[in-house]
């Protein structure tokens, strides 16, 4: 398992949230460095957690409304 894979899987028992997985894959495909992708994924995770705490509700997909 690469460092990138480990960083995305950390804290989820080996399960990557689909939001972060597609985000990371998209950044890698566009040519970003693996360390930059890890940093961006960590920032995205913090922003998601902040939004969940602030709203007081569970994370909802954009399709659910």
Protein backbone atom coordinates (compact mmCIF):
# COMPACT_ATOMS: atom_id res chain seq x y z
CA UNK A 1 0.00 0.00 0.00
CA UNK A 2 1.47 3.35 -1.01
CA UNK A 3 1.70 6.36 1.26
CA UNK A 4 -1.13 7.99 -0.70
CA UNK A 5 -3.39 4.98 -0.22
CA UNK A 6 -2.54 4.81 3.47
CA UNK A 7 -3.35 8.51 4.00
CA UNK A 8 -6.73 8.20 2.34
CA UNK A 9 -7.59 5.00 4.23
CA UNK A 10 -6.43 6.16 7.67
CA UNK A 11 -9.19 6.51 10.21
CA UNK A 12 -11.76 4.54 8.26
CA UNK A 13 -10.69 0.99 8.94
CA UNK A 14 -9.56 0.59 5.35
CA UNK A 15 -12.65 2.20 3.86
CA UNK A 16 -12.19 5.39 1.91
CA UNK A 17 -15.17 7.73 1.77
CA UNK A 18 -16.27 7.91 -1.87
CA UNK A 19 -16.04 11.69 -1.79
CA UNK A 20 -12.35 11.62 -0.87
CA UNK A 21 -11.50 8.71 -3.12
CA UNK A 22 -12.85 10.33 -6.28
CA UNK A 23 -11.35 13.68 -5.25
CA UNK A 24 -7.89 12.13 -4.79
CA UNK A 25 -8.09 10.12 -7.99
CA UNK A 26 -9.11 13.22 -9.94
CA UNK A 27 -6.17 15.21 -8.57
CA UNK A 28 -3.72 12.40 -9.36
CA UNK A 29 -5.08 12.09 -12.89
CA UNK A 30 -4.58 15.82 -13.44
CA UNK A 31 -0.90 15.49 -12.56
CA UNK A 32 -0.68 16.71 -8.96
CA UNK A 33 2.13 15.36 -6.80
CA UNK A 34 1.10 12.59 -4.37
CA UNK A 35 2.02 14.71 -1.33
CA UNK A 36 -0.12 17.57 -2.63
CA UNK A 37 -3.03 15.16 -3.07
CA UNK A 38 -2.60 13.91 0.50
CA UNK A 39 -2.64 17.49 1.80
CA UNK A 40 -5.71 18.34 -0.25
CA UNK A 41 -7.51 15.20 0.95
CA UNK A 42 -6.71 16.05 4.59
CA UNK A 43 -8.02 19.58 4.10
CA UNK A 44 -11.17 18.27 2.43
CA UNK A 45 -11.72 15.86 5.34
CA UNK A 46 -11.38 18.69 7.88
CA UNK A 47 -13.85 20.83 5.94
CA UNK A 48 -16.34 17.96 5.79
CA UNK A 49 -16.04 17.37 9.54
CA UNK A 50 -16.46 21.10 10.22
CA UNK A 51 -19.62 21.19 8.11
CA UNK A 52 -21.07 18.17 9.88
CA UNK A 53 -20.34 19.60 13.33
CA UNK A 54 -21.69 23.03 12.39
CA UNK A 55 -24.93 21.71 10.90
CA UNK A 56 -25.47 19.15 13.64
CA UNK A 57 -26.64 16.56 11.13
CA UNK A 58 -25.22 13.64 9.18
CA UNK A 59 -23.31 14.02 5.94
CA UNK A 60 -25.66 13.94 2.97
CA UNK A 61 -24.85 13.34 -0.66
CA UNK A 62 -25.60 16.17 -3.03
CA UNK A 63 -28.17 13.96 -4.75
CA UNK A 64 -30.22 13.60 -1.54
CA UNK A 65 -30.83 17.34 -1.34
